[in-house]
């Protein structure tokens, strides 16, 4: 299943609902292109909802780190929402859990920007 991104807003926070697999190739570029588009329009607060993402490979992980860098370089904040167990394990192994705030429910993720 290819990666898809749907952007919705809650106030000044952009929520990116991702689905599919974030893997090398076009699927990883979906994340990059979506974040670039949001940053170019001035969005600084972004939640990546990974509820429907079943797999992330090293290229996909690189895209998530790239998204973090792009957003923090403009003074913004990015966090993860609804990460699946496999992705949580990957974040633990790579120690990226210290970089990405992660939440299990949307109200908590939205409140983290207050």
PDB file of N, CA and C in Angstrom:
ATOM      1  N   UNK A   1       0.852  -1.181   0.000  1.00  0.00           N
ATOM      2  CA  UNK A   1       0.000   0.000   0.000  1.00  0.00           C
ATOM      3  C   UNK A   1       0.895   1.241   0.000  1.00  0.00           C
ATOM      4  N   UNK A   2       0.688   2.116  -0.946  1.00  0.00           N
ATOM      5  CA  UNK A   2       1.514   3.312  -1.048  1.00  0.00           C
ATOM      6  C   UNK A   2       1.132   4.314   0.040  1.00  0.00           C
ATOM      7  N   UNK A   3       2.079   5.181   0.359  1.00  0.00           N
ATOM      8  CA  UNK A   3       1.888   6.188   1.400  1.00  0.00           C
ATOM      9  C   UNK A   3       1.006   7.312   0.876  1.00  0.00           C
ATOM     10  N   UNK A   4       0.075   7.729   1.726  1.00  0.00           N
ATOM     11  CA  UNK A   4      -0.803   8.848   1.401  1.00  0.00           C
ATOM     12  C   UNK A   4      -0.812   9.796   2.591  1.00  0.00           C
ATOM     13  N   UNK A   5      -0.999  11.074   2.304  1.00  0.00           N
ATOM     14  CA  UNK A   5      -1.057  12.084   3.359  1.00  0.00           C
ATOM     15  C   UNK A   5      -2.266  12.968   3.146  1.00  0.00           C
ATOM     16  N   UNK A   6      -3.018  13.170   4.215  1.00  0.00           N
ATOM     17  CA  UNK A   6      -4.163  14.078   4.201  1.00  0.00           C
ATOM     18  C   UNK A   6      -3.933  15.091   5.318  1.00  0.00           C
ATOM     19  N   UNK A   7      -3.982  16.363   4.966  1.00  0.00           N
ATOM     20  CA  UNK A   7      -3.735  17.425   5.946  1.00  0.00           C
ATOM     21  C   UNK A   7      -5.053  18.037   6.386  1.00  0.00           C
ATOM     22  N   UNK A   8      -5.182  18.184   7.681  1.00  0.00           N
ATOM     23  CA  UNK A   8      -6.329  18.903   8.246  1.00  0.00           C
ATOM     24  C   UNK A   8      -5.786  19.839   9.317  1.00  0.00           C
ATOM     25  N   UNK A   9      -6.569  20.816   9.700  1.00  0.00           N
ATOM     26  CA  UNK A   9      -6.100  21.816  10.656  1.00  0.00           C
ATOM     27  C   UNK A   9      -6.997  21.882  11.871  1.00  0.00           C
ATOM     28  N   UNK A  10      -6.366  22.185  12.991  1.00  0.00           N
ATOM     29  CA  UNK A  10      -7.073  22.462  14.230  1.00  0.00           C
ATOM     30  C   UNK A  10      -6.447  23.739  14.780  1.00  0.00           C
ATOM     31  N   UNK A  11      -7.089  24.858  14.510  1.00  0.00           N
ATOM     32  CA  UNK A  11      -6.499  26.144  14.874  1.00  0.00           C
ATOM     33  C   UNK A  11      -5.237  26.369  14.055  1.00  0.00           C
ATOM     34  N   UNK A  12      -4.138  26.671  14.741  1.00  0.00           N
ATOM     35  CA  UNK A  12      -2.868  26.898  14.042  1.00  0.00           C
ATOM     36  C   UNK A  12      -2.001  25.641  13.980  1.00  0.00           C
ATOM     37  N   UNK A  13      -2.602  24.488  14.191  1.00  0.00           N
ATOM     38  CA  UNK A  13      -1.876  23.216  14.177  1.00  0.00           C
ATOM     39  C   UNK A  13      -2.317  22.413  12.965  1.00  0.00           C
ATOM     40  N   UNK A  14      -1.340  21.952  12.184  1.00  0.00           N
ATOM     41  CA  UNK A  14      -1.620  21.103  11.024  1.00  0.00           C
ATOM     42  C   UNK A  14      -1.457  19.652  11.435  1.00  0.00           C
ATOM     43  N   UNK A  15      -2.462  18.855  11.151  1.00  0.00           N
ATOM     44  CA  UNK A  15      -2.419  17.418  11.453  1.00  0.00           C
ATOM     45  C   UNK A  15      -2.316  16.684  10.131  1.00  0.00           C
ATOM     46  N   UNK A  16      -1.257  15.893   9.988  1.00  0.00           N
ATOM     47  CA  UNK A  16      -1.027  15.140   8.766  1.00  0.00           C
ATOM     48  C   UNK A  16      -1.379  13.684   9.052  1.00  0.00           C
ATOM     49  N   UNK A  17      -2.484  13.222   8.480  1.00  0.00           N
ATOM     50  CA  UNK A  17      -2.895  11.828   8.622  1.00  0.00           C
ATOM     51  C   UNK A  17      -2.191  11.017   7.544  1.00  0.00           C
ATOM     52  N   UNK A  18      -1.222  10.218   7.964  1.00  0.00           N
ATOM     53  CA  UNK A  18      -0.474   9.375   7.023  1.00  0.00           C
ATOM     54  C   UNK A  18      -1.057   7.978   7.018  1.00  0.00           C
ATOM     55  N   UNK A  19      -0.994   7.320   5.871  1.00  0.00           N
ATOM     56  CA  UNK A  19      -1.443   5.932   5.778  1.00  0.00           C
ATOM     57  C   UNK A  19      -0.543   5.186   4.807  1.00  0.00           C
ATOM     58  N   UNK A  20      -0.455   3.893   5.002  1.00  0.00           N
ATOM     59  CA  UNK A  20       0.375   3.056   4.133  1.00  0.00           C
ATOM     60  C   UNK A  20       1.728   2.764   4.758  1.00  0.00           C
ATOM     61  N   UNK A  21       2.727   2.650   3.907  1.00  0.00           N
ATOM     62  CA  UNK A  21       4.087   2.350   4.336  1.00  0.00           C
ATOM     63  C   UNK A  21       4.989   3.510   3.942  1.00  0.00           C
ATOM     64  N   UNK A  22       5.855   3.919   4.864  1.00  0.00           N
ATOM     65  CA  UNK A  22       6.816   4.975   4.557  1.00  0.00           C
ATOM     66  C   UNK A  22       8.140   4.272   4.286  1.00  0.00           C
ATOM     67  N   UNK A  23       8.391   4.036   3.000  1.00  0.00           N
ATOM     68  CA  UNK A  23       9.566   3.265   2.582  1.00  0.00           C
ATOM     69  C   UNK A  23      10.302   3.991   1.462  1.00  0.00           C
ATOM     70  N   UNK A  24      11.483   3.485   1.138  1.00  0.00           N
ATOM     71  CA  UNK A  24      12.317   4.105   0.107  1.00  0.00           C
ATOM     72  C   UNK A  24      11.535   4.265  -1.194  1.00  0.00           C
ATOM     73  N   UNK A  25      11.779   5.354  -1.878  1.00  0.00           N
ATOM     74  CA  UNK A  25      11.108   5.617  -3.154  1.00  0.00           C
ATOM     75  C   UNK A  25      10.067   6.703  -3.000  1.00  0.00           C
ATOM     76  N   UNK A  26       9.075   6.633  -3.833  1.00  0.00           N
ATOM     77  CA  UNK A  26       8.029   7.665  -3.869  1.00  0.00           C
ATOM     78  C   UNK A  26       7.284   7.797  -2.543  1.00  0.00           C
ATOM     79  N   UNK A  27       7.124   6.687  -1.820  1.00  0.00           N
ATOM     80  CA  UNK A  27       6.376   6.736  -0.569  1.00  0.00           C
ATOM     81  C   UNK A  27       7.041   7.648   0.452  1.00  0.00           C
ATOM     82  N   UNK A  28       8.356   7.606   0.534  1.00  0.00           N
ATOM     83  CA  UNK A  28       9.062   8.468   1.482  1.00  0.00           C
ATOM     84  C   UNK A  28       8.949   9.930   1.076  1.00  0.00           C
ATOM     85  N   UNK A  29       8.892  10.189  -0.219  1.00  0.00           N
ATOM     86  CA  UNK A  29       8.794  11.572  -0.694  1.00  0.00           C
ATOM     87  C   UNK A  29       7.457  12.212  -0.345  1.00  0.00           C
ATOM     88  N   UNK A  30       6.440  11.413  -0.098  1.00  0.00           N
ATOM     89  CA  UNK A  30       5.135  11.952   0.287  1.00  0.00           C
ATOM     90  C   UNK A  30       5.281  12.757   1.581  1.00  0.00           C
ATOM     91  N   UNK A  31       6.026  12.206   2.536  1.00  0.00           N
ATOM     92  CA  UNK A  31       6.231  12.905   3.802  1.00  0.00           C
ATOM     93  C   UNK A  31       7.000  14.204   3.554  1.00  0.00           C
ATOM     94  N   UNK A  32       8.100  14.107   2.815  1.00  0.00           N
ATOM     95  CA  UNK A  32       8.930  15.287   2.540  1.00  0.00           C
ATOM     96  C   UNK A  32       8.127  16.381   1.837  1.00  0.00           C
ATOM     97  N   UNK A  33       7.407  16.009   0.788  1.00  0.00           N
ATOM     98  CA  UNK A  33       6.646  16.994   0.022  1.00  0.00           C
ATOM     99  C   UNK A  33       5.533  17.636   0.854  1.00  0.00           C
ATOM    100  N   UNK A  34       4.891  16.837   1.683  1.00  0.00           N
ATOM    101  CA  UNK A  34       3.817  17.365   2.533  1.00  0.00           C
ATOM    102  C   UNK A  34       4.372  18.369   3.538  1.00  0.00           C
ATOM    103  N   UNK A  35       5.473  18.019   4.190  1.00  0.00           N
ATOM    104  CA  UNK A  35       6.084  18.919   5.179  1.00  0.00           C
ATOM    105  C   UNK A  35       6.589  20.190   4.496  1.00  0.00           C
ATOM    106  N   UNK A  36       7.235  20.042   3.340  1.00  0.00           N
ATOM    107  CA  UNK A  36       7.708  21.224   2.596  1.00  0.00           C
ATOM    108  C   UNK A  36       6.553  22.160   2.276  1.00  0.00           C
ATOM    109  N   UNK A  37       5.447  21.601   1.835  1.00  0.00           N
ATOM    110  CA  UNK A  37       4.282  22.399   1.511  1.00  0.00           C
ATOM    111  C   UNK A  37       3.739  23.140   2.724  1.00  0.00           C
ATOM    112  N   UNK A  38       3.685  22.453   3.857  1.00  0.00           N
ATOM    113  CA  UNK A  38       3.184  23.085   5.074  1.00  0.00           C
ATOM    114  C   UNK A  38       4.118  24.200   5.543  1.00  0.00           C
ATOM    115  N   UNK A  39       5.412  23.924   5.541  1.00  0.00           N
ATOM    116  CA  UNK A  39       6.392  24.916   5.983  1.00  0.00           C
ATOM    117  C   UNK A  39       6.360  26.139   5.062  1.00  0.00           C
ATOM    118  N   UNK A  40       6.223  25.898   3.765  1.00  0.00           N
ATOM    119  CA  UNK A  40       6.215  27.020   2.813  1.00  0.00           C
ATOM    120  C   UNK A  40       4.996  27.923   2.982  1.00  0.00           C
ATOM    121  N   UNK A  41       3.923  27.384   3.553  1.00  0.00           N
ATOM    122  CA  UNK A  41       2.734  28.205   3.789  1.00  0.00           C
ATOM    123  C   UNK A  41       2.702  28.771   5.203  1.00  0.00           C
ATOM    124  N   UNK A  42       3.790  28.554   5.958  1.00  0.00           N
ATOM    125  CA  UNK A  42       3.898  29.148   7.283  1.00  0.00           C
ATOM    126  C   UNK A  42       3.462  28.282   8.439  1.00  0.00           C
ATOM    127  N   UNK A  43       3.133  27.025   8.190  1.00  0.00           N
ATOM    128  CA  UNK A  43       2.757  26.134   9.290  1.00  0.00           C
ATOM    129  C   UNK A  43       3.988  25.791  10.113  1.00  0.00           C
ATOM    130  N   UNK A  44       3.885  26.023  11.420  1.00  0.00           N
ATOM    131  CA  UNK A  44       5.008  25.741  12.310  1.00  0.00           C
ATOM    132  C   UNK A  44       4.708  24.634  13.309  1.00  0.00           C
ATOM    133  N   UNK A  45       3.452  24.338  13.512  1.00  0.00           N
ATOM    134  CA  UNK A  45       3.039  23.323  14.478  1.00  0.00           C
ATOM    135  C   UNK A  45       2.406  22.157  13.734  1.00  0.00           C
ATOM    136  N   UNK A  46       3.074  21.005  13.789  1.00  0.00           N
ATOM    137  CA  UNK A  46       2.643  19.879  12.956  1.00  0.00           C
ATOM    138  C   UNK A  46       2.577  18.599  13.782  1.00  0.00           C
ATOM    139  N   UNK A  47       1.494  17.880  13.595  1.00  0.00           N
ATOM    140  CA  UNK A  47       1.329  16.551  14.188  1.00  0.00           C
ATOM    141  C   UNK A  47       1.313  15.543  13.047  1.00  0.00           C
ATOM    142  N   UNK A  48       2.165  14.528  13.148  1.00  0.00           N
ATOM    143  CA  UNK A  48       2.151  13.434  12.178  1.00  0.00           C
ATOM    144  C   UNK A  48       1.375  12.274  12.797  1.00  0.00           C
ATOM    145  N   UNK A  49       0.188  12.016  12.261  1.00  0.00           N
ATOM    146  CA  UNK A  49      -0.652  10.930  12.753  1.00  0.00           C
ATOM    147  C   UNK A  49      -0.271   9.647  12.010  1.00  0.00           C
ATOM    148  N   UNK A  50       0.341   8.715  12.734  1.00  0.00           N
ATOM    149  CA  UNK A  50       0.835   7.474  12.129  1.00  0.00           C
ATOM    150  C   UNK A  50      -0.091   6.289  12.393  1.00  0.00           C
ATOM    151  N   UNK A  51      -1.322   6.563  12.748  1.00  0.00           N
ATOM    152  CA  UNK A  51      -2.281   5.499  13.087  1.00  0.00           C
ATOM    153  C   UNK A  51      -2.380   4.433  11.999  1.00  0.00           C
ATOM    154  N   UNK A  52      -2.399   4.852  10.746  1.00  0.00           N
ATOM    155  CA  UNK A  52      -2.579   3.911   9.644  1.00  0.00           C
ATOM    156  C   UNK A  52      -1.276   3.601   8.903  1.00  0.00           C
ATOM    157  N   UNK A  53      -0.148   3.859   9.556  1.00  0.00           N
ATOM    158  CA  UNK A  53       1.157   3.520   8.982  1.00  0.00           C
ATOM    159  C   UNK A  53       1.623   2.225   9.630  1.00  0.00           C
ATOM    160  N   UNK A  54       1.781   1.192   8.816  1.00  0.00           N
ATOM    161  CA  UNK A  54       2.154  -0.111   9.345  1.00  0.00           C
ATOM    162  C   UNK A  54       3.639  -0.410   9.329  1.00  0.00           C
ATOM    163  N   UNK A  55       4.392   0.338   8.517  1.00  0.00           N
ATOM    164  CA  UNK A  55       5.811   0.019   8.384  1.00  0.00           C
ATOM    165  C   UNK A  55       6.591   1.258   7.975  1.00  0.00           C
ATOM    166  N   UNK A  56       7.767   1.429   8.579  1.00  0.00           N
ATOM    167  CA  UNK A  56       8.685   2.504   8.222  1.00  0.00           C
ATOM    168  C   UNK A  56      10.062   1.873   8.070  1.00  0.00           C
ATOM    169  N   UNK A  57      10.708   2.068   6.904  1.00  0.00           N
ATOM    170  CA  UNK A  57      12.074   1.556   6.742  1.00  0.00           C
ATOM    171  C   UNK A  57      13.065   2.674   7.045  1.00  0.00           C
ATOM    172  N   UNK A  58      14.355   2.418   6.813  1.00  0.00           N
ATOM    173  CA  UNK A  58      15.375   3.410   7.150  1.00  0.00           C
ATOM    174  C   UNK A  58      15.202   4.699   6.351  1.00  0.00           C
ATOM    175  N   UNK A  59      14.787   4.600   5.096  1.00  0.00           N
ATOM    176  CA  UNK A  59      14.544   5.802   4.293  1.00  0.00           C
ATOM    177  C   UNK A  59      13.364   6.587   4.862  1.00  0.00           C
ATOM    178  N   UNK A  60      12.335   5.890   5.279  1.00  0.00           N
ATOM    179  CA  UNK A  60      11.176   6.541   5.892  1.00  0.00           C
ATOM    180  C   UNK A  60      11.547   7.211   7.199  1.00  0.00           C
ATOM    181  N   UNK A  61      12.393   6.549   7.964  1.00  0.00           N
ATOM    182  CA  UNK A  61      12.873   7.133   9.214  1.00  0.00           C
ATOM    183  C   UNK A  61      13.670   8.403   8.927  1.00  0.00           C
ATOM    184  N   UNK A  62      14.461   8.360   7.872  1.00  0.00           N
ATOM    185  CA  UNK A  62      15.208   9.538   7.454  1.00  0.00           C
ATOM    186  C   UNK A  62      14.284  10.678   7.078  1.00  0.00           C
ATOM    187  N   UNK A  63      13.164  10.371   6.448  1.00  0.00           N
ATOM    188  CA  UNK A  63      12.191  11.407   6.084  1.00  0.00           C
ATOM    189  C   UNK A  63      11.549  12.019   7.330  1.00  0.00           C
ATOM    190  N   UNK A  64      11.298  11.204   8.341  1.00  0.00           N
ATOM    191  CA  UNK A  64      10.747  11.737   9.584  1.00  0.00           C
ATOM    192  C   UNK A  64      11.747  12.675  10.253  1.00  0.00           C
ATOM    193  N   UNK A  65      13.021  12.284  10.256  1.00  0.00           N
ATOM    194  CA  UNK A  65      14.062  13.139  10.824  1.00  0.00           C
ATOM    195  C   UNK A  65      14.187  14.426  10.005  1.00  0.00           C
ATOM    196  N   UNK A  66      14.113  14.310   8.684  1.00  0.00           N
ATOM    197  CA  UNK A  66      14.142  15.485   7.822  1.00  0.00           C
ATOM    198  C   UNK A  66      12.978  16.415   8.110  1.00  0.00           C
ATOM    199  N   UNK A  67      11.807  15.846   8.359  1.00  0.00           N
ATOM    200  CA  UNK A  67      10.630  16.649   8.697  1.00  0.00           C
ATOM    201  C   UNK A  67      10.868  17.392  10.006  1.00  0.00           C
ATOM    202  N   UNK A  68      11.428  16.695  10.985  1.00  0.00           N
ATOM    203  CA  UNK A  68      11.747  17.315  12.267  1.00  0.00           C
ATOM    204  C   UNK A  68      12.694  18.493  12.069  1.00  0.00           C
ATOM    205  N   UNK A  69      13.743  18.287  11.276  1.00  0.00           N
ATOM    206  CA  UNK A  69      14.731  19.332  11.025  1.00  0.00           C
ATOM    207  C   UNK A  69      14.102  20.529  10.336  1.00  0.00           C
ATOM    208  N   UNK A  70      13.305  20.284   9.302  1.00  0.00           N
ATOM    209  CA  UNK A  70      12.653  21.371   8.564  1.00  0.00           C
ATOM    210  C   UNK A  70      11.770  22.216   9.473  1.00  0.00           C
ATOM    211  N   UNK A  71      11.016  21.569  10.317  1.00  0.00           N
ATOM    212  CA  UNK A  71      10.069  22.275  11.176  1.00  0.00           C
ATOM    213  C   UNK A  71      10.796  23.011  12.305  1.00  0.00           C
ATOM    214  N   UNK A  72      11.755  22.373  12.940  1.00  0.00           N
ATOM    215  CA  UNK A  72      12.449  23.035  14.048  1.00  0.00           C
ATOM    216  C   UNK A  72      13.341  24.172  13.559  1.00  0.00           C
ATOM    217  N   UNK A  73      13.836  24.089  12.334  1.00  0.00           N
ATOM    218  CA  UNK A  73      14.669  25.169  11.791  1.00  0.00           C
ATOM    219  C   UNK A  73      13.897  26.469  11.604  1.00  0.00           C
ATOM    220  N   UNK A  74      12.585  26.395  11.502  1.00  0.00           N
ATOM    221  CA  UNK A  74      11.786  27.620  11.380  1.00  0.00           C
ATOM    222  C   UNK A  74      11.151  27.990  12.723  1.00  0.00           C
ATOM    223  N   UNK A  75      11.609  27.336  13.781  1.00  0.00           N
ATOM    224  CA  UNK A  75      11.093  27.641  15.116  1.00  0.00           C
ATOM    225  C   UNK A  75       9.805  26.933  15.443  1.00  0.00           C
ATOM    226  N   UNK A  76       9.494  25.879  14.712  1.00  0.00           N
ATOM    227  CA  UNK A  76       8.254  25.148  14.936  1.00  0.00           C
ATOM    228  C   UNK A  76       8.442  23.919  15.799  1.00  0.00           C
ATOM    229  N   UNK A  77       7.368  23.167  15.917  1.00  0.00           N
ATOM    230  CA  UNK A  77       7.369  21.955  16.724  1.00  0.00           C
ATOM    231  C   UNK A  77       6.621  20.864  15.960  1.00  0.00           C
ATOM    232  N   UNK A  78       7.140  19.653  16.048  1.00  0.00           N
ATOM    233  CA  UNK A  78       6.506  18.515  15.390  1.00  0.00           C
ATOM    234  C   UNK A  78       6.418  17.373  16.397  1.00  0.00           C
ATOM    235  N   UNK A  79       5.322  16.642  16.343  1.00  0.00           N
ATOM    236  CA  UNK A  79       5.192  15.481  17.226  1.00  0.00           C
ATOM    237  C   UNK A  79       4.493  14.349  16.476  1.00  0.00           C
ATOM    238  N   UNK A  80       4.557  13.177  17.070  1.00  0.00           N
ATOM    239  CA  UNK A  80       3.963  11.983  16.481  1.00  0.00           C
ATOM    240  C   UNK A  80       2.711  11.596  17.255  1.00  0.00           C
ATOM    241  N   UNK A  81       1.751  11.052  16.550  1.00  0.00           N
ATOM    242  CA  UNK A  81       0.488  10.634  17.144  1.00  0.00           C
ATOM    243  C   UNK A  81       0.175   9.210  16.701  1.00  0.00           C
ATOM    244  N   UNK A  82      -0.294   8.407  17.634  1.00  0.00           N
ATOM    245  CA  UNK A  82      -0.768   7.046  17.344  1.00  0.00           C
ATOM    246  C   UNK A  82       0.265   6.165  16.643  1.00  0.00           C
ATOM    247  N   UNK A  83       1.482   6.116  17.157  1.00  0.00           N
ATOM    248  CA  UNK A  83       2.494   5.257  16.551  1.00  0.00           C
ATOM    249  C   UNK A  83       2.189   3.794  16.868  1.00  0.00           C
ATOM    250  N   UNK A  84       2.304   2.957  15.847  1.00  0.00           N
ATOM    251  CA  UNK A  84       2.094   1.521  16.007  1.00  0.00           C
ATOM    252  C   UNK A  84       3.272   0.914  16.781  1.00  0.00           C
ATOM    253  N   UNK A  85       3.085  -0.274  17.347  1.00  0.00           N
ATOM    254  CA  UNK A  85       4.103  -0.923  18.176  1.00  0.00           C
ATOM    255  C   UNK A  85       5.430  -1.092  17.438  1.00  0.00           C
ATOM    256  N   UNK A  86       5.387  -1.510  16.163  1.00  0.00           N
ATOM    257  CA  UNK A  86       6.625  -1.703  15.399  1.00  0.00           C
ATOM    258  C   UNK A  86       7.385  -0.391  15.242  1.00  0.00           C
ATOM    259  N   UNK A  87       6.660   0.680  15.037  1.00  0.00           N
ATOM    260  CA  UNK A  87       7.304   1.981  14.858  1.00  0.00           C
ATOM    261  C   UNK A  87       7.825   2.492  16.197  1.00  0.00           C
ATOM    262  N   UNK A  88       7.102   2.248  17.271  1.00  0.00           N
ATOM    263  CA  UNK A  88       7.592   2.611  18.604  1.00  0.00           C
ATOM    264  C   UNK A  88       8.894   1.884  18.892  1.00  0.00           C
ATOM    265  N   UNK A  89       8.957   0.596  18.544  1.00  0.00           N
ATOM    266  CA  UNK A  89      10.188  -0.175  18.739  1.00  0.00           C
ATOM    267  C   UNK A  89      11.343   0.430  17.944  1.00  0.00           C
ATOM    268  N   UNK A  90      11.075   0.825  16.717  1.00  0.00           N
ATOM    269  CA  UNK A  90      12.093   1.439  15.867  1.00  0.00           C
ATOM    270  C   UNK A  90      12.592   2.749  16.478  1.00  0.00           C
ATOM    271  N   UNK A  91      11.684   3.537  17.017  1.00  0.00           N
ATOM    272  CA  UNK A  91      12.077   4.791  17.667  1.00  0.00           C
ATOM    273  C   UNK A  91      12.911   4.531  18.914  1.00  0.00           C
ATOM    274  N   UNK A  92      12.610   3.450  19.623  1.00  0.00           N
ATOM    275  CA  UNK A  92      13.396   3.075  20.807  1.00  0.00           C
ATOM    276  C   UNK A  92      14.806   2.638  20.413  1.00  0.00           C
ATOM    277  N   UNK A  93      14.890   1.772  19.415  1.00  0.00           N
ATOM    278  CA  UNK A  93      16.188   1.244  18.976  1.00  0.00           C
ATOM    279  C   UNK A  93      17.099   2.355  18.487  1.00  0.00           C
ATOM    280  N   UNK A  94      16.538   3.300  17.761  1.00  0.00           N
ATOM    281  CA  UNK A  94      17.333   4.387  17.188  1.00  0.00           C
ATOM    282  C   UNK A  94      17.465   5.581  18.136  1.00  0.00           C
ATOM    283  N   UNK A  95      16.849   5.486  19.294  1.00  0.00           N
ATOM    284  CA  UNK A  95      16.863   6.559  20.305  1.00  0.00           C
ATOM    285  C   UNK A  95      16.141   7.828  19.837  1.00  0.00           C
ATOM    286  N   UNK A  96      15.361   7.713  18.779  1.00  0.00           N
ATOM    287  CA  UNK A  96      14.621   8.872  18.289  1.00  0.00           C
ATOM    288  C   UNK A  96      13.408   9.210  19.155  1.00  0.00           C
ATOM    289  N   UNK A  97      13.075   8.320  20.090  1.00  0.00           N
ATOM    290  CA  UNK A  97      11.986   8.636  21.012  1.00  0.00           C
ATOM    291  C   UNK A  97      12.339   9.859  21.858  1.00  0.00           C
ATOM    292  N   UNK A  98      13.652  10.171  21.963  1.00  0.00           N
ATOM    293  CA  UNK A  98      14.077  11.356  22.711  1.00  0.00           C
ATOM    294  C   UNK A  98      13.906  12.632  21.878  1.00  0.00           C
ATOM    295  N   UNK A  99      13.755  12.479  20.571  1.00  0.00           N
ATOM    296  CA  UNK A  99      13.627  13.619  19.665  1.00  0.00           C
ATOM    297  C   UNK A  99      12.163  13.960  19.410  1.00  0.00           C
ATOM    298  N   UNK A 100      11.367  12.940  19.147  1.00  0.00           N
ATOM    299  CA  UNK A 100       9.963  13.143  18.785  1.00  0.00           C
ATOM    300  C   UNK A 100       9.050  12.962  19.997  1.00  0.00           C
ATOM    301  N   UNK A 101       8.361  14.023  20.419  1.00  0.00           N
ATOM    302  CA  UNK A 101       7.299  13.803  21.405  1.00  0.00           C
ATOM    303  C   UNK A 101       6.237  12.918  20.748  1.00  0.00           C
ATOM    304  N   UNK A 102       5.732  11.956  21.485  1.00  0.00           N
ATOM    305  CA  UNK A 102       4.786  11.005  20.915  1.00  0.00           C
ATOM    306  C   UNK A 102       3.561  10.907  21.826  1.00  0.00           C
ATOM    307  N   UNK A 103       2.388  10.875  21.218  1.00  0.00           N
ATOM    308  CA  UNK A 103       1.137  10.858  21.971  1.00  0.00           C
ATOM    309  C   UNK A 103       0.223   9.758  21.461  1.00  0.00           C
ATOM    310  N   UNK A 104      -0.621   9.258  22.372  1.00  0.00           N
ATOM    311  CA  UNK A 104      -1.558   8.191  22.030  1.00  0.00           C
ATOM    312  C   UNK A 104      -2.946   8.707  21.668  1.00  0.00           C
ATOM    313  N   UNK A 105      -3.208   9.988  21.961  1.00  0.00           N
ATOM    314  CA  UNK A 105      -4.516  10.537  21.603  1.00  0.00           C
ATOM    315  C   UNK A 105      -4.375  11.965  21.128  1.00  0.00           C
ATOM    316  N   UNK A 106      -5.256  12.350  20.232  1.00  0.00           N
ATOM    317  CA  UNK A 106      -5.167  13.643  19.577  1.00  0.00           C
ATOM    318  C   UNK A 106      -5.319  14.837  20.523  1.00  0.00           C
ATOM    319  N   UNK A 107      -6.250  14.792  21.494  1.00  0.00           N
ATOM    320  CA  UNK A 107      -6.343  15.942  22.404  1.00  0.00           C
ATOM    321  C   UNK A 107      -5.040  16.218  23.162  1.00  0.00           C
ATOM    322  N   UNK A 108      -4.347  15.171  23.579  1.00  0.00           N
ATOM    323  CA  UNK A 108      -3.069  15.355  24.286  1.00  0.00           C
ATOM    324  C   UNK A 108      -2.019  15.949  23.353  1.00  0.00           C
ATOM    325  N   UNK A 109      -1.998  15.481  22.112  1.00  0.00           N
ATOM    326  CA  UNK A 109      -1.039  16.019  21.132  1.00  0.00           C
ATOM    327  C   UNK A 109      -1.326  17.491  20.860  1.00  0.00           C
ATOM    328  N   UNK A 110      -2.595  17.838  20.703  1.00  0.00           N
ATOM    329  CA  UNK A 110      -2.969  19.235  20.464  1.00  0.00           C
ATOM    330  C   UNK A 110      -2.618  20.110  21.683  1.00  0.00           C
ATOM    331  N   UNK A 111      -2.848  19.591  22.872  1.00  0.00           N
ATOM    332  CA  UNK A 111      -2.550  20.340  24.092  1.00  0.00           C
ATOM    333  C   UNK A 111      -1.061  20.594  24.259  1.00  0.00           C
ATOM    334  N   UNK A 112      -0.220  19.743  23.682  1.00  0.00           N
ATOM    335  CA  UNK A 112       1.227  19.910  23.838  1.00  0.00           C
ATOM    336  C   UNK A 112       1.739  21.173  23.161  1.00  0.00           C
ATOM    337  N   UNK A 113       0.951  21.762  22.284  1.00  0.00           N
ATOM    338  CA  UNK A 113       1.357  22.987  21.590  1.00  0.00           C
ATOM    339  C   UNK A 113       0.956  24.244  22.354  1.00  0.00           C
ATOM    340  N   UNK A 114       0.182  24.083  23.429  1.00  0.00           N
ATOM    341  CA  UNK A 114      -0.296  25.242  24.199  1.00  0.00           C
ATOM    342  C   UNK A 114       0.835  25.865  25.003  1.00  0.00           C
TER     343      UNK A 114
END
